[in-house]
């Protein structure tokens, strides 16, 4: 951030659903649990922020049965 007293938005990442629940940032990756279209409840997603203006999904994890959009059945 070049001017901490005047932060500016450089990008917006939309997760869908009700947004992200819990978020941790380690300086390069953001770890969160968004609610995504096609999934039941929150799942885990990792965003790569090497270039903060272009977040990239680099990992995701869900429990078996959460991905109803992919044909899974909730247990």
PDB file of N, CA and C in Angstrom:
ATOM      1  N   UNK A   1       0.850  -1.146   0.000  1.00  0.00           N
ATOM      2  CA  UNK A   1       0.000   0.000   0.000  1.00  0.00           C
ATOM      3  C   UNK A   1       0.912   1.230   0.000  1.00  0.00           C
ATOM      4  N   UNK A   2       0.808   2.023  -1.010  1.00  0.00           N
ATOM      5  CA  UNK A   2       1.702   3.176  -1.124  1.00  0.00           C
ATOM      6  C   UNK A   2       1.337   4.296  -0.156  1.00  0.00           C
ATOM      7  N   UNK A   3       0.048   4.432   0.190  1.00  0.00           N
ATOM      8  CA  UNK A   3      -0.369   5.485   1.113  1.00  0.00           C
ATOM      9  C   UNK A   3      -1.383   4.902   2.099  1.00  0.00           C
ATOM     10  N   UNK A   4      -0.921   4.400   3.258  1.00  0.00           N
ATOM     11  CA  UNK A   4      -1.817   3.738   4.217  1.00  0.00           C
ATOM     12  C   UNK A   4      -2.976   4.606   4.702  1.00  0.00           C
ATOM     13  N   UNK A   5      -2.823   5.910   4.675  1.00  0.00           N
ATOM     14  CA  UNK A   5      -3.912   6.775   5.136  1.00  0.00           C
ATOM     15  C   UNK A   5      -4.993   6.949   4.069  1.00  0.00           C
ATOM     16  N   UNK A   6      -4.707   6.514   2.836  1.00  0.00           N
ATOM     17  CA  UNK A   6      -5.680   6.609   1.747  1.00  0.00           C
ATOM     18  C   UNK A   6      -5.693   5.314   0.935  1.00  0.00           C
ATOM     19  N   UNK A   7      -6.157   4.205   1.530  1.00  0.00           N
ATOM     20  CA  UNK A   7      -6.185   2.935   0.785  1.00  0.00           C
ATOM     21  C   UNK A   7      -7.152   3.026  -0.393  1.00  0.00           C
ATOM     22  N   UNK A   8      -6.863   2.271  -1.432  1.00  0.00           N
ATOM     23  CA  UNK A   8      -7.756   2.235  -2.590  1.00  0.00           C
ATOM     24  C   UNK A   8      -7.982   0.783  -3.012  1.00  0.00           C
ATOM     25  N   UNK A   9      -9.146   0.533  -3.549  1.00  0.00           N
ATOM     26  CA  UNK A   9      -9.477  -0.808  -4.012  1.00  0.00           C
ATOM     27  C   UNK A   9      -8.743  -1.076  -5.323  1.00  0.00           C
ATOM     28  N   UNK A  10      -8.086  -2.239  -5.406  1.00  0.00           N
ATOM     29  CA  UNK A  10      -7.385  -2.588  -6.639  1.00  0.00           C
ATOM     30  C   UNK A  10      -8.055  -3.741  -7.372  1.00  0.00           C
ATOM     31  N   UNK A  11      -8.923  -4.462  -6.681  1.00  0.00           N
ATOM     32  CA  UNK A  11      -9.680  -5.537  -7.322  1.00  0.00           C
ATOM     33  C   UNK A  11     -10.836  -5.927  -6.410  1.00  0.00           C
ATOM     34  N   UNK A  12     -11.745  -6.716  -6.950  1.00  0.00           N
ATOM     35  CA  UNK A  12     -12.865  -7.245  -6.168  1.00  0.00           C
ATOM     36  C   UNK A  12     -13.057  -8.686  -6.593  1.00  0.00           C
ATOM     37  N   UNK A  13     -12.985  -9.593  -5.639  1.00  0.00           N
ATOM     38  CA  UNK A  13     -13.206 -11.008  -5.909  1.00  0.00           C
ATOM     39  C   UNK A  13     -14.544 -11.373  -5.313  1.00  0.00           C
ATOM     40  N   UNK A  14     -15.476 -11.824  -6.126  1.00  0.00           N
ATOM     41  CA  UNK A  14     -16.812 -12.196  -5.663  1.00  0.00           C
ATOM     42  C   UNK A  14     -16.899 -13.703  -5.520  1.00  0.00           C
ATOM     43  N   UNK A  15     -17.306 -14.144  -4.348  1.00  0.00           N
ATOM     44  CA  UNK A  15     -17.415 -15.580  -4.110  1.00  0.00           C
ATOM     45  C   UNK A  15     -18.803 -16.109  -4.444  1.00  0.00           C
ATOM     46  N   UNK A  16     -19.798 -15.278  -4.372  1.00  0.00           N
ATOM     47  CA  UNK A  16     -21.174 -15.732  -4.548  1.00  0.00           C
ATOM     48  C   UNK A  16     -21.761 -16.129  -3.208  1.00  0.00           C
ATOM     49  N   UNK A  17     -23.001 -16.551  -3.207  1.00  0.00           N
ATOM     50  CA  UNK A  17     -23.643 -16.942  -1.955  1.00  0.00           C
ATOM     51  C   UNK A  17     -23.650 -15.796  -0.956  1.00  0.00           C
ATOM     52  N   UNK A  18     -23.373 -16.109   0.293  1.00  0.00           N
ATOM     53  CA  UNK A  18     -23.371 -15.085   1.344  1.00  0.00           C
ATOM     54  C   UNK A  18     -21.976 -14.535   1.607  1.00  0.00           C
ATOM     55  N   UNK A  19     -21.003 -14.905   0.778  1.00  0.00           N
ATOM     56  CA  UNK A  19     -19.653 -14.380   0.944  1.00  0.00           C
ATOM     57  C   UNK A  19     -18.723 -15.355   1.642  1.00  0.00           C
ATOM     58  N   UNK A  20     -17.631 -14.812   2.167  1.00  0.00           N
ATOM     59  CA  UNK A  20     -16.578 -15.622   2.790  1.00  0.00           C
ATOM     60  C   UNK A  20     -16.722 -15.585   4.311  1.00  0.00           C
ATOM     61  N   UNK A  21     -16.652 -16.746   4.918  1.00  0.00           N
ATOM     62  CA  UNK A  21     -16.678 -16.872   6.374  1.00  0.00           C
ATOM     63  C   UNK A  21     -15.273 -17.255   6.801  1.00  0.00           C
ATOM     64  N   UNK A  22     -14.661 -16.453   7.603  1.00  0.00           N
ATOM     65  CA  UNK A  22     -13.287 -16.655   8.068  1.00  0.00           C
ATOM     66  C   UNK A  22     -12.293 -16.439   6.942  1.00  0.00           C
ATOM     67  N   UNK A  23     -11.251 -15.711   7.230  1.00  0.00           N
ATOM     68  CA  UNK A  23     -10.227 -15.419   6.237  1.00  0.00           C
ATOM     69  C   UNK A  23      -8.895 -15.264   6.942  1.00  0.00           C
ATOM     70  N   UNK A  24      -7.877 -15.892   6.390  1.00  0.00           N
ATOM     71  CA  UNK A  24      -6.513 -15.778   6.909  1.00  0.00           C
ATOM     72  C   UNK A  24      -5.617 -15.437   5.727  1.00  0.00           C
ATOM     73  N   UNK A  25      -4.633 -14.581   5.958  1.00  0.00           N
ATOM     74  CA  UNK A  25      -3.708 -14.173   4.900  1.00  0.00           C
ATOM     75  C   UNK A  25      -2.290 -14.332   5.421  1.00  0.00           C
ATOM     76  N   UNK A  26      -1.437 -15.019   4.645  1.00  0.00           N
ATOM     77  CA  UNK A  26      -0.072 -15.260   5.103  1.00  0.00           C
ATOM     78  C   UNK A  26       0.971 -14.417   4.369  1.00  0.00           C
ATOM     79  N   UNK A  27       0.527 -13.424   3.605  1.00  0.00           N
ATOM     80  CA  UNK A  27       1.437 -12.578   2.866  1.00  0.00           C
ATOM     81  C   UNK A  27       1.445 -12.888   1.382  1.00  0.00           C
ATOM     82  N   UNK A  28       1.048 -14.081   1.012  1.00  0.00           N
ATOM     83  CA  UNK A  28       0.952 -14.466  -0.400  1.00  0.00           C
ATOM     84  C   UNK A  28      -0.371 -15.148  -0.730  1.00  0.00           C
ATOM     85  N   UNK A  29      -0.895 -15.918   0.217  1.00  0.00           N
ATOM     86  CA  UNK A  29      -2.133 -16.651  -0.023  1.00  0.00           C
ATOM     87  C   UNK A  29      -3.200 -16.224   0.979  1.00  0.00           C
ATOM     88  N   UNK A  30      -4.445 -16.190   0.503  1.00  0.00           N
ATOM     89  CA  UNK A  30      -5.594 -15.949   1.368  1.00  0.00           C
ATOM     90  C   UNK A  30      -6.346 -17.273   1.480  1.00  0.00           C
ATOM     91  N   UNK A  31      -6.629 -17.678   2.688  1.00  0.00           N
ATOM     92  CA  UNK A  31      -7.334 -18.927   2.969  1.00  0.00           C
ATOM     93  C   UNK A  31      -8.700 -18.557   3.536  1.00  0.00           C
ATOM     94  N   UNK A  32      -9.754 -19.011   2.888  1.00  0.00           N
ATOM     95  CA  UNK A  32     -11.082 -18.655   3.360  1.00  0.00           C
ATOM     96  C   UNK A  32     -12.065 -19.779   3.137  1.00  0.00           C
ATOM     97  N   UNK A  33     -13.281 -19.561   3.613  1.00  0.00           N
ATOM     98  CA  UNK A  33     -14.330 -20.570   3.442  1.00  0.00           C
ATOM     99  C   UNK A  33     -15.559 -19.892   2.834  1.00  0.00           C
ATOM    100  N   UNK A  34     -15.552 -19.746   1.503  1.00  0.00           N
ATOM    101  CA  UNK A  34     -16.694 -19.118   0.843  1.00  0.00           C
ATOM    102  C   UNK A  34     -17.856 -20.073   0.668  1.00  0.00           C
ATOM    103  N   UNK A  35     -18.998 -19.494   0.411  1.00  0.00           N
ATOM    104  CA  UNK A  35     -20.170 -20.261   0.016  1.00  0.00           C
ATOM    105  C   UNK A  35     -20.271 -20.090  -1.494  1.00  0.00           C
ATOM    106  N   UNK A  36     -20.038 -21.145  -2.253  1.00  0.00           N
ATOM    107  CA  UNK A  36     -20.017 -21.066  -3.713  1.00  0.00           C
ATOM    108  C   UNK A  36     -21.241 -21.718  -4.337  1.00  0.00           C
ATOM    109  N   UNK A  37     -21.627 -21.217  -5.481  1.00  0.00           N
ATOM    110  CA  UNK A  37     -22.697 -21.825  -6.274  1.00  0.00           C
ATOM    111  C   UNK A  37     -22.320 -23.273  -6.566  1.00  0.00           C
ATOM    112  N   UNK A  38     -23.244 -24.189  -6.373  1.00  0.00           N
ATOM    113  CA  UNK A  38     -22.996 -25.602  -6.658  1.00  0.00           C
ATOM    114  C   UNK A  38     -22.471 -26.394  -5.476  1.00  0.00           C
ATOM    115  N   UNK A  39     -22.298 -25.740  -4.333  1.00  0.00           N
ATOM    116  CA  UNK A  39     -21.821 -26.417  -3.120  1.00  0.00           C
ATOM    117  C   UNK A  39     -22.835 -26.195  -2.006  1.00  0.00           C
ATOM    118  N   UNK A  40     -22.972 -27.178  -1.139  1.00  0.00           N
ATOM    119  CA  UNK A  40     -23.810 -27.057   0.050  1.00  0.00           C
ATOM    120  C   UNK A  40     -22.917 -26.561   1.179  1.00  0.00           C
ATOM    121  N   UNK A  41     -23.259 -25.434   1.751  1.00  0.00           N
ATOM    122  CA  UNK A  41     -22.513 -24.816   2.851  1.00  0.00           C
ATOM    123  C   UNK A  41     -21.138 -24.324   2.393  1.00  0.00           C
ATOM    124  N   UNK A  42     -20.345 -23.894   3.348  1.00  0.00           N
ATOM    125  CA  UNK A  42     -19.031 -23.332   3.030  1.00  0.00           C
ATOM    126  C   UNK A  42     -18.015 -24.427   2.748  1.00  0.00           C
ATOM    127  N   UNK A  43     -17.088 -24.125   1.846  1.00  0.00           N
ATOM    128  CA  UNK A  43     -15.981 -25.022   1.553  1.00  0.00           C
ATOM    129  C   UNK A  43     -14.691 -24.218   1.723  1.00  0.00           C
ATOM    130  N   UNK A  44     -13.543 -24.840   1.531  1.00  0.00           N
ATOM    131  CA  UNK A  44     -12.260 -24.163   1.719  1.00  0.00           C
ATOM    132  C   UNK A  44     -11.692 -23.766   0.362  1.00  0.00           C
ATOM    133  N   UNK A  45     -11.201 -22.533   0.274  1.00  0.00           N
ATOM    134  CA  UNK A  45     -10.596 -22.066  -0.965  1.00  0.00           C
ATOM    135  C   UNK A  45      -9.322 -21.294  -0.645  1.00  0.00           C
ATOM    136  N   UNK A  46      -8.311 -21.453  -1.505  1.00  0.00           N
ATOM    137  CA  UNK A  46      -7.047 -20.729  -1.365  1.00  0.00           C
ATOM    138  C   UNK A  46      -6.891 -19.838  -2.585  1.00  0.00           C
ATOM    139  N   UNK A  47      -6.686 -18.541  -2.330  1.00  0.00           N
ATOM    140  CA  UNK A  47      -6.461 -17.579  -3.407  1.00  0.00           C
ATOM    141  C   UNK A  47      -4.996 -17.179  -3.411  1.00  0.00           C
ATOM    142  N   UNK A  48      -4.355 -17.257  -4.566  1.00  0.00           N
ATOM    143  CA  UNK A  48      -2.992 -16.787  -4.715  1.00  0.00           C
ATOM    144  C   UNK A  48      -3.005 -15.288  -4.964  1.00  0.00           C
ATOM    145  N   UNK A  49      -2.233 -14.555  -4.171  1.00  0.00           N
ATOM    146  CA  UNK A  49      -2.215 -13.101  -4.283  1.00  0.00           C
ATOM    147  C   UNK A  49      -0.820 -12.563  -4.590  1.00  0.00           C
ATOM    148  N   UNK A  50      -0.040 -13.313  -5.378  1.00  0.00           N
ATOM    149  CA  UNK A  50       1.273 -12.821  -5.795  1.00  0.00           C
ATOM    150  C   UNK A  50       1.090 -11.497  -6.534  1.00  0.00           C
ATOM    151  N   UNK A  51       0.022 -11.401  -7.335  1.00  0.00           N
ATOM    152  CA  UNK A  51      -0.381 -10.148  -7.978  1.00  0.00           C
ATOM    153  C   UNK A  51      -1.743  -9.794  -7.385  1.00  0.00           C
ATOM    154  N   UNK A  52      -1.787  -8.934  -6.376  1.00  0.00           N
ATOM    155  CA  UNK A  52      -3.041  -8.647  -5.679  1.00  0.00           C
ATOM    156  C   UNK A  52      -4.152  -8.092  -6.576  1.00  0.00           C
ATOM    157  N   UNK A  53      -3.797  -7.533  -7.717  1.00  0.00           N
ATOM    158  CA  UNK A  53      -4.821  -7.006  -8.609  1.00  0.00           C
ATOM    159  C   UNK A  53      -5.487  -8.115  -9.431  1.00  0.00           C
ATOM    160  N   UNK A  54      -4.926  -9.324  -9.380  1.00  0.00           N
ATOM    161  CA  UNK A  54      -5.482 -10.459 -10.116  1.00  0.00           C
ATOM    162  C   UNK A  54      -5.458 -11.725  -9.270  1.00  0.00           C
ATOM    163  N   UNK A  55      -6.341 -11.835  -8.268  1.00  0.00           N
ATOM    164  CA  UNK A  55      -6.376 -13.043  -7.429  1.00  0.00           C
ATOM    165  C   UNK A  55      -6.648 -14.286  -8.271  1.00  0.00           C
ATOM    166  N   UNK A  56      -5.949 -15.367  -7.951  1.00  0.00           N
ATOM    167  CA  UNK A  56      -6.106 -16.624  -8.670  1.00  0.00           C
ATOM    168  C   UNK A  56      -6.475 -17.739  -7.685  1.00  0.00           C
ATOM    169  N   UNK A  57      -7.495 -18.514  -7.999  1.00  0.00           N
ATOM    170  CA  UNK A  57      -7.831 -19.675  -7.180  1.00  0.00           C
ATOM    171  C   UNK A  57      -6.738 -20.711  -7.412  1.00  0.00           C
ATOM    172  N   UNK A  58      -6.035 -21.091  -6.349  1.00  0.00           N
ATOM    173  CA  UNK A  58      -4.947 -22.068  -6.477  1.00  0.00           C
ATOM    174  C   UNK A  58      -5.261 -23.380  -5.766  1.00  0.00           C
ATOM    175  N   UNK A  59      -6.344 -23.417  -5.002  1.00  0.00           N
ATOM    176  CA  UNK A  59      -6.731 -24.641  -4.326  1.00  0.00           C
ATOM    177  C   UNK A  59      -8.133 -24.550  -3.770  1.00  0.00           C
ATOM    178  N   UNK A  60      -8.777 -25.685  -3.666  1.00  0.00           N
ATOM    179  CA  UNK A  60     -10.102 -25.746  -3.038  1.00  0.00           C
ATOM    180  C   UNK A  60     -10.302 -27.135  -2.464  1.00  0.00           C
ATOM    181  N   UNK A  61     -11.119 -27.213  -1.434  1.00  0.00           N
ATOM    182  CA  UNK A  61     -11.396 -28.487  -0.783  1.00  0.00           C
ATOM    183  C   UNK A  61     -12.813 -28.446  -0.247  1.00  0.00           C
ATOM    184  N   UNK A  62     -13.513 -29.559  -0.404  1.00  0.00           N
ATOM    185  CA  UNK A  62     -14.848 -29.699   0.173  1.00  0.00           C
ATOM    186  C   UNK A  62     -15.007 -31.130   0.658  1.00  0.00           C
ATOM    187  N   UNK A  63     -15.934 -31.314   1.551  1.00  0.00           N
ATOM    188  CA  UNK A  63     -16.219 -32.655   2.055  1.00  0.00           C
ATOM    189  C   UNK A  63     -16.990 -33.436   1.004  1.00  0.00           C
ATOM    190  N   UNK A  64     -16.838 -34.746   0.990  1.00  0.00           N
ATOM    191  CA  UNK A  64     -17.640 -35.550   0.066  1.00  0.00           C
ATOM    192  C   UNK A  64     -19.127 -35.274   0.273  1.00  0.00           C
ATOM    193  N   UNK A  65     -19.840 -35.044  -0.814  1.00  0.00           N
ATOM    194  CA  UNK A  65     -21.273 -34.768  -0.756  1.00  0.00           C
ATOM    195  C   UNK A  65     -21.609 -33.290  -0.802  1.00  0.00           C
ATOM    196  N   UNK A  66     -20.637 -32.401  -0.653  1.00  0.00           N
ATOM    197  CA  UNK A  66     -20.920 -30.964  -0.667  1.00  0.00           C
ATOM    198  C   UNK A  66     -21.145 -30.407  -2.073  1.00  0.00           C
ATOM    199  N   UNK A  67     -20.524 -31.007  -3.055  1.00  0.00           N
ATOM    200  CA  UNK A  67     -20.558 -30.462  -4.418  1.00  0.00           C
ATOM    201  C   UNK A  67     -21.776 -30.977  -5.172  1.00  0.00           C
ATOM    202  N   UNK A  68     -22.932 -30.460  -4.793  1.00  0.00           N
ATOM    203  CA  UNK A  68     -24.182 -30.892  -5.430  1.00  0.00           C
ATOM    204  C   UNK A  68     -24.238 -30.483  -6.893  1.00  0.00           C
ATOM    205  N   UNK A  69     -23.559 -29.396  -7.264  1.00  0.00           N
ATOM    206  CA  UNK A  69     -23.503 -28.967  -8.648  1.00  0.00           C
ATOM    207  C   UNK A  69     -22.703 -29.905  -9.519  1.00  0.00           C
ATOM    208  N   UNK A  70     -21.918 -30.774  -8.911  1.00  0.00           N
ATOM    209  CA  UNK A  70     -21.136 -31.769  -9.635  1.00  0.00           C
ATOM    210  C   UNK A  70     -21.725 -33.162  -9.531  1.00  0.00           C
ATOM    211  N   UNK A  71     -22.977 -33.245  -9.020  1.00  0.00           N
ATOM    212  CA  UNK A  71     -23.652 -34.527  -8.956  1.00  0.00           C
ATOM    213  C   UNK A  71     -23.540 -35.263  -7.628  1.00  0.00           C
ATOM    214  N   UNK A  72     -22.842 -34.675  -6.662  1.00  0.00           N
ATOM    215  CA  UNK A  72     -22.720 -35.357  -5.360  1.00  0.00           C
ATOM    216  C   UNK A  72     -24.018 -35.234  -4.574  1.00  0.00           C
ATOM    217  N   UNK A  73     -24.227 -36.156  -3.663  1.00  0.00           N
ATOM    218  CA  UNK A  73     -25.410 -36.155  -2.803  1.00  0.00           C
ATOM    219  C   UNK A  73     -24.971 -35.846  -1.374  1.00  0.00           C
ATOM    220  N   UNK A  74     -25.565 -34.812  -0.755  1.00  0.00           N
ATOM    221  CA  UNK A  74     -25.202 -34.515   0.645  1.00  0.00           C
ATOM    222  C   UNK A  74     -25.464 -35.690   1.560  1.00  0.00           C
ATOM    223  N   UNK A  75     -24.551 -35.903   2.512  1.00  0.00           N
ATOM    224  CA  UNK A  75     -24.715 -36.999   3.471  1.00  0.00           C
ATOM    225  C   UNK A  75     -25.159 -36.481   4.810  1.00  0.00           C
TER     226      UNK A  75
END
